[in-house]
Protein backbone atom coordinates (compact mmCIF):
# COMPACT_ATOMS: atom_id res chain seq x y z
CA MET A 1 0.34 14.02 35.00
CA LYS A 2 3.86 12.92 36.57
CA GLU A 3 6.64 15.24 35.99
CA VAL A 4 8.68 14.15 32.59
CA PRO A 5 11.96 15.52 32.48
CA PRO A 6 12.66 17.90 29.35
CA GLU A 7 15.54 15.95 28.03
CA ASP A 8 13.31 12.86 27.43
CA TYR A 9 11.13 14.41 25.23
CA PHE A 10 13.55 17.57 24.03
CA VAL A 11 15.42 14.98 21.55
CA PHE A 12 12.32 14.97 19.39
CA ASP A 13 13.98 18.38 18.43
CA LYS A 14 15.90 17.03 16.66
CA ILE A 15 13.49 15.79 14.21
CA LEU A 16 12.47 17.21 11.25
CA CYS A 17 8.93 16.42 11.28
CA PRO A 18 5.82 17.61 13.69
CA ILE A 19 5.89 15.79 16.74
CA LEU A 20 3.20 16.54 19.02
CA ALA A 21 2.81 15.26 22.92
CA ILE A 22 -0.60 14.89 24.07
CA ASN A 23 -2.52 13.59 26.92
CA ASP A 24 -6.08 12.08 27.35
CA LYS A 25 -7.92 15.07 27.26
CA CYS A 26 -6.63 15.71 23.74
CA ASP A 27 -3.88 18.74 25.34
CA VAL A 28 -0.77 19.43 23.86
CA VAL A 29 1.69 19.50 26.49
CA PHE A 30 5.03 19.10 24.53
CA LEU A 31 5.32 20.30 20.63
CA ASN A 32 8.91 19.86 19.10
CA LYS A 33 10.62 22.53 17.30
CA THR A 34 9.13 21.59 13.92
CA ALA A 35 5.94 21.52 15.22
CA LYS A 36 6.14 24.95 17.02
CA GLU A 37 7.02 26.20 13.31
CA THR A 38 4.64 24.50 11.02
CA TYR A 39 1.71 25.61 13.68
CA SER A 40 2.75 29.12 14.34
CA SER A 41 -0.17 30.63 13.23
CA LEU A 42 -2.34 28.25 15.98
CA PHE A 43 -0.08 27.89 18.70
CA THR A 44 0.62 30.57 21.13
CA PRO A 45 3.62 30.06 23.28
CA PRO A 46 2.81 30.21 27.04
CA PRO A 47 4.36 33.38 28.96
CA PRO A 48 7.73 33.13 30.30
CA GLU A 49 5.84 33.26 34.10
CA LYS A 50 3.76 30.31 33.34
CA ARG A 51 6.76 28.07 31.83
CA ASN A 52 8.72 25.29 33.21
CA ASN A 53 10.98 22.67 32.98
CA GLU A 54 8.01 19.83 33.51
CA ILE A 55 5.68 18.71 30.84
CA ASN A 56 2.52 18.93 32.27
CA GLU A 57 0.93 21.97 31.52
CA SER A 58 -1.71 22.51 28.67
CA LEU A 59 -0.43 24.32 25.47
CA GLY A 60 -3.74 24.10 24.00
CA LYS A 61 -5.95 21.33 22.37
CA CYS A 62 -4.43 19.27 19.66
CA TYR A 63 -7.41 19.80 17.62
CA GLN A 64 -6.73 23.68 17.71
CA ILE A 65 -3.10 23.74 16.99
CA SER A 66 -2.68 21.15 14.24
CA HIS A 67 -6.19 21.41 12.29
CA GLY A 68 -7.59 24.94 13.41
CA TYR A 69 -10.84 23.73 14.47
CA ASP A 70 -13.20 24.45 17.54
CA LYS A 71 -14.26 21.23 18.76
CA PRO A 72 -12.57 17.49 18.38
CA CYS A 73 -11.37 15.94 15.57
CA HIS A 74 -14.18 13.14 15.84
CA GLU A 75 -17.02 16.21 16.11
CA MET A 76 -15.82 17.03 12.75
CA GLY A 77 -16.30 13.33 11.04
CA GLU A 78 -12.77 12.70 11.07
CA ILE A 79 -11.18 9.52 12.82
CA CYS A 80 -9.16 10.67 15.93
CA PRO A 81 -6.16 8.50 16.73
CA ILE A 82 -6.00 9.71 19.97
CA MET A 83 -9.19 8.65 20.61
CA GLU A 84 -8.81 5.22 18.82
CA LEU A 85 -5.66 4.55 21.29
CA LYS A 86 -7.40 6.22 24.53
CA GLU A 87 -10.59 3.76 24.13
CA ASN A 88 -8.26 0.52 23.19
CA LYS A 89 -6.02 0.14 26.14
CA ASP A 90 -4.37 -3.17 24.14
CA LYS A 91 -3.70 -0.91 21.07
CA ASN A 92 -0.44 1.20 21.11
CA ILE A 93 0.13 2.54 17.74
CA SER A 94 -2.97 3.95 15.55
CA ASN A 95 -2.58 5.40 11.74
CA VAL A 96 -5.16 7.95 10.05
CA ILE A 97 -4.79 10.30 6.99
CA HIS A 98 -6.02 13.77 7.58
CA ASN A 99 -6.78 16.35 5.36
CA HIS A 100 -5.14 19.79 6.75
CA LYS A 101 -6.71 22.47 4.59
CA GLY A 102 -6.04 20.87 1.40
CA HIS A 103 -3.11 18.77 1.65
CA LEU A 104 -3.31 15.20 2.96
CA TYR A 105 -0.80 14.27 5.91
CA LYS A 106 -0.50 10.52 7.42
CA VAL A 107 -0.97 11.03 11.54
CA GLU A 108 0.66 8.25 13.45
CA ALA A 109 0.18 7.96 17.20
CA PHE A 110 1.91 5.81 19.75
CA ARG A 111 1.24 5.54 23.19
CA ASP A 112 4.22 6.36 25.73
CA ASP A 113 5.42 3.32 27.45
CA SER A 114 5.88 4.83 31.22
CA ASP A 115 2.65 6.82 31.01
CA SER A 116 -1.04 4.69 29.47
CA PHE A 117 -2.04 8.79 29.55
CA LEU A 118 0.15 10.45 27.51
CA PHE A 119 0.10 9.61 23.52
CA PHE A 120 2.86 10.98 20.85
CA GLU A 121 1.37 12.11 17.49
CA SER A 122 3.62 12.44 14.21
CA HIS A 123 2.42 14.47 10.75
CA THR A 124 4.19 13.04 8.09
CA ASN A 125 5.22 9.71 6.03
CA ILE A 126 6.94 6.70 8.01
CA THR A 127 9.62 6.59 5.30
CA ASP A 128 10.45 10.20 6.21
CA PHE A 129 10.17 9.70 9.82
CA MET A 130 12.29 6.64 9.62
CA SER A 131 14.81 8.61 8.29
CA GLU A 132 14.69 11.60 11.15
CA ILE A 133 14.72 8.92 13.38
CA GLU A 134 17.86 7.27 12.46
CA SER A 135 19.74 10.76 12.70
CA ALA A 136 18.36 11.40 15.78
CA LYS A 137 19.44 8.77 16.92
CA LYS A 138 23.26 8.97 15.76
CA ALA A 139 23.33 12.47 17.08
CA LYS A 140 22.41 11.83 20.62
CA GLU A 141 22.65 8.78 23.05
CA LYS A 142 19.13 8.41 24.06
CA SER A 143 17.77 6.56 26.76
CA GLU A 144 16.55 2.67 26.15
CA SER A 145 12.58 3.88 26.53
CA THR A 146 13.46 6.86 24.06
CA GLU A 147 14.56 4.09 21.47
CA LYS A 148 11.80 1.97 22.03
CA LYS A 149 9.36 5.03 21.65
CA LEU A 150 11.02 6.02 18.05
CA GLU A 151 11.62 2.24 17.06
CA ALA A 152 7.72 2.07 17.51
CA PHE A 153 7.07 4.11 14.27
CA PHE A 154 9.15 1.22 12.21
CA ASP A 155 8.47 -1.62 14.05
CA ASN A 156 5.07 -1.63 13.91
CA PHE A 157 4.57 -0.90 10.24
CA PRO A 158 1.79 -3.39 8.62
CA SER A 159 4.08 -4.50 5.64
CA VAL A 160 7.22 -6.29 5.66
CA SER A 161 9.83 -3.90 5.92
CA LEU A 162 13.68 -3.96 5.95
CA ILE A 163 16.32 -1.38 6.06
CA ILE A 164 19.23 -1.87 3.42
CA ASP A 165 22.27 0.00 3.14
CA LEU A 166 22.56 1.35 -0.06
CA GLU A 167 26.59 0.16 -1.12
CA THR A 168 26.82 -2.91 0.97
CA GLY A 169 23.19 -4.71 0.60
CA ILE A 170 23.67 -5.16 4.21
CA ILE A 171 20.23 -5.52 6.55
CA ILE A 172 20.50 -2.59 9.21
CA ASN A 173 17.01 -3.53 10.68
CA ALA A 174 13.57 -5.44 10.05
CA ASN A 175 10.36 -4.87 11.59
CA LYS A 176 8.12 -7.54 13.34
CA ARG A 177 6.45 -8.28 10.35
CA ALA A 178 9.49 -9.29 8.32
CA VAL A 179 10.48 -11.43 11.34
CA ASP A 180 7.79 -13.27 11.33
CA PHE A 181 7.96 -13.71 7.49
CA TYR A 182 11.33 -15.10 6.87
CA GLY A 183 11.75 -16.72 10.69
CA PHE A 184 14.69 -14.81 11.50
CA SER A 185 15.10 -12.81 14.62
CA LYS A 186 15.86 -9.49 14.58
CA GLU A 187 19.54 -10.13 16.07
CA GLU A 188 20.01 -12.33 13.07
CA PHE A 189 18.68 -9.80 10.51
CA ARG A 190 21.36 -7.40 11.48
CA ASN A 191 24.56 -7.01 10.06
CA MET A 192 23.06 -9.80 7.39
CA ASP A 193 23.76 -9.42 3.66
CA ILE A 194 20.37 -9.07 1.71
CA LYS A 195 21.67 -12.53 -0.31
CA VAL A 196 21.29 -14.44 2.56
CA ILE A 197 17.23 -14.12 1.45
CA ASN A 198 17.71 -13.42 -2.00
CA PRO A 199 20.42 -15.53 -3.12
CA PHE A 200 18.87 -15.98 -7.16
CA ILE A 201 20.10 -12.94 -8.01
CA SER A 202 24.08 -11.54 -8.46
CA ASP A 203 25.46 -8.95 -6.21
CA LYS A 204 25.95 -6.54 -9.27
CA ASP A 205 22.29 -6.96 -10.16
CA LEU A 206 20.92 -6.33 -6.46
CA LYS A 207 23.29 -3.18 -6.27
CA ASN A 208 22.21 -1.64 -9.69
CA PHE A 209 18.22 -2.52 -8.38
CA ARG A 210 19.16 -0.34 -5.20
CA MET A 211 20.80 2.79 -7.16
CA LYS A 212 18.05 3.09 -9.46
CA ALA A 213 15.89 3.35 -6.69
CA LEU A 214 18.62 5.94 -5.33
CA LYS A 215 18.13 7.90 -8.85
CA GLU A 216 14.54 7.43 -9.83
CA GLY A 217 13.36 7.67 -6.12
CA SER A 218 11.75 4.12 -5.84
CA ASN A 219 12.01 0.95 -7.57
CA PHE A 220 10.20 -2.37 -7.98
CA ALA A 221 11.11 -5.62 -8.98
CA VAL A 222 9.56 -9.08 -8.31
CA PHE A 223 12.08 -11.76 -6.74
CA LYS A 224 12.21 -15.22 -5.25
CA HIS A 225 13.44 -15.11 -1.58
CA ARG A 226 14.60 -17.88 0.52
CA LEU A 227 13.51 -17.93 4.24
CA LYS A 228 14.90 -19.60 6.96
CA ASN A 229 13.33 -22.72 7.29
CA GLY A 230 14.71 -23.06 3.24
CA GLU A 231 11.14 -22.27 1.60
CA ILE A 232 11.13 -20.09 -1.71
CA ARG A 233 8.72 -17.74 -1.87
CA ASP A 234 7.76 -15.19 -4.90
CA VAL A 235 8.16 -11.35 -3.12
CA GLU A 236 7.18 -8.17 -5.22
CA THR A 237 9.68 -5.48 -3.86
CA THR A 238 9.46 -1.61 -3.75
CA ILE A 239 11.93 -0.21 -2.10
CA SER A 240 12.86 4.02 -1.79
CA SER A 241 15.91 5.75 -1.01
CA THR A 242 16.65 8.30 2.05
CA VAL A 243 19.63 10.50 2.56
CA TYR A 244 20.79 11.74 6.09
CA ASN A 245 23.86 12.29 7.88
CA GLY A 246 25.59 12.21 4.67
CA ARG A 247 24.72 8.59 3.64
CA THR A 248 21.73 6.97 2.00
CA TYR A 249 19.71 3.77 2.73
CA ILE A 250 17.08 2.11 1.40
CA GLN A 251 13.53 1.35 3.09
CA ALA A 252 12.11 -2.02 1.23
CA THR A 253 8.11 -2.82 1.33
CA ILE A 254 7.91 -6.37 0.75
CA THR A 255 4.26 -8.47 -0.16
CA ASP A 256 4.12 -12.12 -0.14
CA ILE A 257 2.78 -13.07 -4.24
CA THR A 258 3.41 -16.75 -4.23
CA GLU A 259 -0.03 -17.79 -3.95
CA LYS A 260 -1.20 -14.87 -6.38
CA LYS A 261 1.51 -16.52 -8.62
CA ILE A 262 0.27 -20.05 -8.22
CA LEU A 263 -3.46 -19.08 -9.11
CA GLU A 264 -2.27 -16.87 -12.17
CA ASN A 265 -0.40 -20.41 -13.39
CA LYS A 266 -3.70 -22.32 -12.52
CA LEU A 267 -5.39 -19.97 -14.70
CA LYS A 268 -2.86 -19.44 -17.30
CA GLU A 269 -3.23 -23.63 -17.73
CA SER A 270 -7.04 -23.35 -17.75
CA GLU A 271 -6.89 -20.55 -20.39
CA GLU A 272 -4.75 -23.25 -22.61
CA THR A 273 -6.91 -25.89 -21.80
CA PHE A 274 -10.24 -23.94 -23.04
CA ARG A 275 -7.89 -22.53 -25.92
CA THR A 276 -6.91 -25.96 -27.31
CA LEU A 277 -10.60 -27.42 -26.71
CA ALA A 278 -12.45 -24.42 -28.73
CA GLU A 279 -9.78 -24.42 -31.56
CA ASN A 280 -10.13 -28.22 -32.23
CA MET A 281 -13.93 -28.51 -31.24
CA PRO A 282 -16.65 -28.78 -34.47
CA LEU A 283 -19.25 -26.34 -33.31
CA GLY A 284 -18.95 -22.59 -33.54
CA LEU A 285 -17.83 -21.00 -30.46
CA ASP A 286 -17.01 -17.47 -29.28
CA MET A 287 -16.66 -14.67 -26.34
CA HIS A 288 -17.99 -11.23 -26.43
CA THR A 289 -19.20 -8.02 -24.77
CA ASP A 290 -20.77 -6.11 -27.26
CA LYS A 291 -17.64 -6.66 -29.57
CA PHE A 292 -16.23 -9.89 -30.50
CA ILE A 293 -13.50 -11.11 -28.32
CA TYR A 294 -12.84 -14.69 -29.35
CA ALA A 295 -14.09 -16.68 -32.57
CA ASN A 296 -12.92 -20.30 -32.82
CA PRO A 297 -12.29 -21.50 -36.10
CA ALA A 298 -15.09 -23.06 -36.61
CA LEU A 299 -17.39 -20.27 -36.19
CA GLN A 300 -14.62 -17.89 -38.56
CA VAL A 301 -15.70 -20.71 -41.12
CA MET A 302 -19.55 -20.49 -40.74
CA LEU A 303 -19.68 -16.36 -40.62
CA GLY A 304 -16.85 -15.90 -43.28
CA TYR A 305 -14.88 -13.46 -41.28
CA THR A 306 -11.32 -13.77 -40.06
CA ALA A 307 -10.31 -13.57 -36.36
CA GLU A 308 -8.85 -10.16 -36.68
CA GLU A 309 -12.32 -8.89 -38.81
CA LEU A 310 -14.70 -10.06 -36.06
CA LYS A 311 -12.97 -8.27 -32.97
CA ASP A 312 -13.74 -4.91 -34.94
CA LYS A 313 -17.23 -6.00 -35.18
CA TYR A 314 -20.13 -5.46 -32.17
CA PHE A 315 -22.09 -8.61 -32.07
CA TRP A 316 -25.41 -7.82 -33.95
CA ASP A 317 -22.83 -6.93 -36.73
CA VAL A 318 -23.18 -10.30 -38.00
CA LEU A 319 -27.16 -10.73 -37.18
CA ALA A 320 -30.03 -10.78 -39.59
CA GLU A 321 -31.67 -7.14 -39.13
CA GLU A 322 -34.73 -8.24 -37.32
CA HIS A 323 -32.14 -9.58 -34.42
CA LYS A 324 -30.29 -6.78 -33.89
CA GLU A 325 -32.22 -5.34 -30.85
CA THR A 326 -33.02 -8.00 -29.06
CA ALA A 327 -29.58 -8.92 -28.98
CA LYS A 328 -28.38 -5.66 -27.94
CA ASP A 329 -31.15 -5.74 -25.15
CA SER A 330 -30.10 -9.21 -24.02
CA ILE A 331 -26.18 -8.14 -24.12
CA LYS A 332 -26.69 -5.31 -21.67
CA LYS A 333 -28.56 -6.90 -19.33
CA GLY A 334 -26.14 -9.55 -19.44
CA LEU A 335 -23.14 -7.19 -18.80
CA THR A 336 -25.09 -5.42 -15.85
CA ASP A 337 -26.38 -8.07 -14.15
CA ILE A 338 -24.18 -10.98 -13.18
CA GLY A 339 -27.13 -13.44 -12.87
CA TYR A 340 -28.93 -12.72 -15.71
CA LYS A 341 -29.53 -16.44 -17.93
CA HIS A 342 -30.90 -15.75 -21.38
CA TYR A 343 -30.87 -18.46 -24.14
CA VAL A 344 -32.20 -17.23 -27.89
CA THR A 345 -31.47 -18.89 -31.42
CA PHE A 346 -30.33 -15.46 -34.02
CA LYS A 347 -30.00 -15.85 -37.60
CA ALA A 348 -26.58 -14.24 -38.33
CA LEU A 349 -25.68 -13.29 -42.17
CA LYS A 350 -22.60 -14.42 -43.94
CA LYS A 351 -19.78 -12.35 -45.31
CA GLN A 352 -20.29 -13.28 -48.54
CA ALA A 353 -23.85 -14.65 -48.57
CA LYS A 354 -26.24 -13.16 -50.66
CA ASN A 355 -29.18 -14.60 -48.33
CA PHE A 356 -29.09 -15.34 -44.73
CA GLY A 357 -27.47 -18.43 -43.88
CA CYS A 358 -28.75 -21.02 -41.54
CA ILE A 359 -26.60 -20.10 -38.92
CA PHE A 360 -28.26 -20.30 -35.39
CA MET A 361 -26.36 -18.63 -32.26
CA ARG A 362 -26.75 -19.11 -28.73
CA ILE A 363 -26.15 -15.79 -26.37
CA ARG A 364 -25.95 -16.49 -22.31
């Protein structure tokens, strides 16, 4: 492995989550300060005479230091992000969930830009880690290559994501998915007012939305967002607050639900059409599982029950005694087998009738 000046990676000591540098043989060649503290029971520092200023000596296997395993994670039935990156040269980021002695951790690994056989692994969630990345950026000026490594965590996040100033609503950063979705470049996003993409809500209401996230930890709402080309999209927006360096920022995760809303509206129209037809047809019609869900006016008249009374009854409650078991069996099969079809005629008992009425019901 090439010699690496310590200042390139010891900047990670500023980050308050465990960071490990791992080679393609699963050797840990660097741990930041937090990682040494977190895994102190499993990590034994090398003796002074073997320490040097190069990150090229094995400090132990990653699965031994971070998990306490005797063999690699993939041999224990777990997904190893380092193995994924090693086997797929076109992949630069890998995210998995690992169980560390009863505690679930999001493990994120990415390839070193300058060394395809060196990887970095972080044991934390993307929001907290991004907060520490921003703190590290402000605390120390880093080389362009180091900044790219840190930005990769946020930039490759799989959902549309924005970092927003709490007070002003100015967008600080946007990831690749946000660039693709909205059509603005990263440069256009930086220092853009959130009102550019969310012009339909007042400044006061948007600030209250962010402040609620500050108070409660997160917030959620459905908005209409405007893309660069002028198209309006329905989106679900989830935001969470992060405090660092004495300032608070908002990370917003956005999901496009435009097609979902269109389908919901079509379903609503379909339900309204069904209800109009059902309410005015002369034949009795119902929907049920084991209990009645809906009965049209014609069926209510036939049976002598109101809609509210039927909702409390099992379907077989209105049938003649000799038909109850057949109805139960048909309903059970129909609810468990989507392809089950059965047509049968039942005799039903009207609410006020002394004798069975000639009401015939068909169940499918």
